[in-house]
Protein backbone atom coordinates (compact mmCIF):
# COMPACT_ATOMS: atom_id res chain seq x y z
CA MET A 1 -3.40 -5.29 17.92
CA THR A 2 0.24 -6.21 16.64
CA ILE A 3 1.64 -4.95 13.53
CA ALA A 4 1.29 -8.25 11.84
CA GLU A 5 -2.63 -8.27 12.89
CA ALA A 6 -2.66 -4.72 11.36
CA ARG A 7 -1.22 -5.72 8.32
CA ALA A 8 -3.62 -8.69 7.57
CA ALA A 9 -6.22 -6.19 8.57
CA ILE A 10 -5.14 -3.97 5.67
CA VAL A 11 -4.91 -7.03 3.58
CA ALA A 12 -8.49 -7.92 4.33
CA GLU A 13 -9.77 -4.53 3.66
CA LEU A 14 -8.05 -4.32 0.29
CA GLU A 15 -8.52 -7.90 -0.93
CA PRO A 16 -12.55 -7.28 -1.92
CA LEU A 17 -11.04 -4.75 -4.81
CA GLY A 18 -10.30 -7.40 -7.02
CA VAL A 19 -6.61 -6.64 -7.48
CA PRO A 20 -3.82 -8.89 -6.00
CA VAL A 21 -2.75 -7.94 -2.79
CA VAL A 22 0.95 -9.28 -1.43
CA VAL A 23 3.30 -8.82 1.57
CA ASP A 24 6.11 -10.17 0.20
CA VAL A 25 7.75 -8.58 -2.79
CA ARG A 26 8.57 -11.70 -4.19
CA ASP A 27 5.06 -12.44 -5.15
CA LEU A 28 4.75 -8.96 -6.63
CA GLN A 29 3.65 -9.84 -10.35
CA PRO A 30 2.25 -6.07 -11.53
CA PRO A 31 -0.56 -4.99 -11.34
CA ALA A 32 -0.81 -5.52 -7.45
CA ILE A 33 -1.10 -3.93 -4.25
CA VAL A 34 1.98 -4.29 -2.00
CA VAL A 35 1.21 -4.05 1.76
CA GLY A 36 4.72 -3.25 3.02
CA LEU A 37 6.44 -3.96 6.59
CA ALA A 38 6.17 -1.07 9.28
CA ASP A 39 8.60 1.71 8.48
CA GLN A 40 7.73 3.80 11.47
CA ILE A 41 6.56 3.00 14.81
CA ASP A 42 5.96 5.41 17.65
CA TRP A 43 5.53 3.81 20.96
CA TYR A 44 4.92 7.13 22.68
CA THR A 45 1.64 9.21 21.17
CA VAL A 46 -1.04 10.60 22.20
CA CYS A 47 -3.00 8.17 20.38
CA GLY A 48 -1.05 5.30 22.07
CA PRO A 49 1.54 3.10 20.04
CA GLN A 50 1.19 3.77 16.39
CA ALA A 51 2.99 2.30 13.10
CA ARG A 52 2.97 3.41 9.56
CA VAL A 53 2.91 1.15 7.00
CA ARG A 54 3.34 1.76 3.23
CA VAL A 55 0.66 0.34 0.70
CA SER A 56 2.25 0.54 -2.45
CA ILE A 57 -0.41 0.44 -5.50
CA VAL A 58 1.89 -0.81 -8.22
CA ALA A 59 1.39 -0.93 -12.23
CA ALA A 60 2.40 -3.34 -14.71
CA PRO A 61 5.33 -1.41 -16.93
CA PRO A 62 5.92 0.31 -19.31
CA GLY A 63 4.48 3.72 -17.17
CA ASN A 64 2.39 4.52 -20.38
CA ALA A 65 -1.15 6.18 -20.45
CA ASP A 66 -2.91 2.88 -19.69
CA ALA A 67 -0.75 2.13 -16.34
CA GLY A 68 -1.66 6.02 -15.26
CA ASP A 69 -5.59 5.16 -15.67
CA TRP A 70 -5.14 2.24 -14.08
CA LEU A 71 -3.18 3.91 -10.87
CA SER A 72 -5.82 6.39 -11.26
CA ASP A 73 -8.61 4.29 -10.72
CA THR A 74 -6.89 1.99 -8.01
CA VAL A 75 -5.70 4.91 -5.65
CA GLU A 76 -8.78 6.30 -5.34
CA ALA A 77 -10.66 2.43 -4.78
CA VAL A 78 -7.70 1.93 -2.35
CA LEU A 79 -8.31 5.09 -0.31
CA ARG A 80 -12.14 4.39 -0.13
CA ALA A 81 -11.29 1.18 0.92
CA LEU A 82 -9.05 2.33 3.85
CA SER A 83 -11.75 5.28 4.57
CA GLY A 84 -11.65 3.60 8.02
CA ALA A 85 -7.83 4.22 8.93
CA GLN A 86 -5.70 7.06 8.35
CA ALA A 87 -4.16 6.49 5.00
CA GLY A 88 -2.86 9.02 2.66
CA PRO A 89 -2.20 11.07 1.29
CA ALA A 90 -1.27 9.48 -1.98
CA THR A 91 2.49 10.00 -3.63
CA LEU A 92 3.08 9.05 -7.04
CA GLY A 93 6.40 7.66 -7.76
CA THR A 94 8.07 4.62 -8.63
CA TYR A 95 8.23 1.22 -6.99
CA ASP A 96 11.66 -0.79 -6.78
CA PRO A 97 10.81 -4.85 -6.38
CA GLY A 98 14.68 -5.26 -5.64
CA ASN A 99 15.35 -6.36 -8.78
CA GLY A 100 16.42 -3.17 -10.57
CA SER A 101 13.74 -2.29 -12.46
CA ARG A 102 11.41 0.64 -11.15
CA LEU A 103 7.77 0.41 -11.79
CA PRO A 104 4.75 2.99 -11.62
CA ALA A 105 3.28 3.11 -8.23
CA TYR A 106 1.42 5.17 -5.66
CA ASP A 107 2.36 5.04 -2.43
CA VAL A 108 0.11 5.47 0.56
CA PRO A 109 1.17 5.70 4.23
CA VAL A 110 -1.69 4.41 6.70
CA ILE A 111 -1.54 4.59 10.42
CA ILE A 112 -2.40 2.26 12.80
CA THR A 113 -2.56 2.27 16.47
CA LEU A 114 -1.25 -1.07 18.12
């Protein structure tokens, strides 16, 4: 499996959640889930080549209680949807889509075997 195929598989697992899933930050219109590029690739593991893909669950601004409720519900659904993968732990923080704004988000690292 290639990294591109693995990212496509992650997208396919998340699409049934009913939340927009994007792979290009230019398409981000929160609330949405961003399946990022592999940010770590290890060719020499006991399990064979692996890559870590960051999945970001991004709430719409502002970071109020409504955003927190949506994030809490959605991160749970994402972790359930990715239960067949090595996903987590989820980390609360912010997501910067590159335009200087900081959006409330959870990051979920997903380890994939290539």
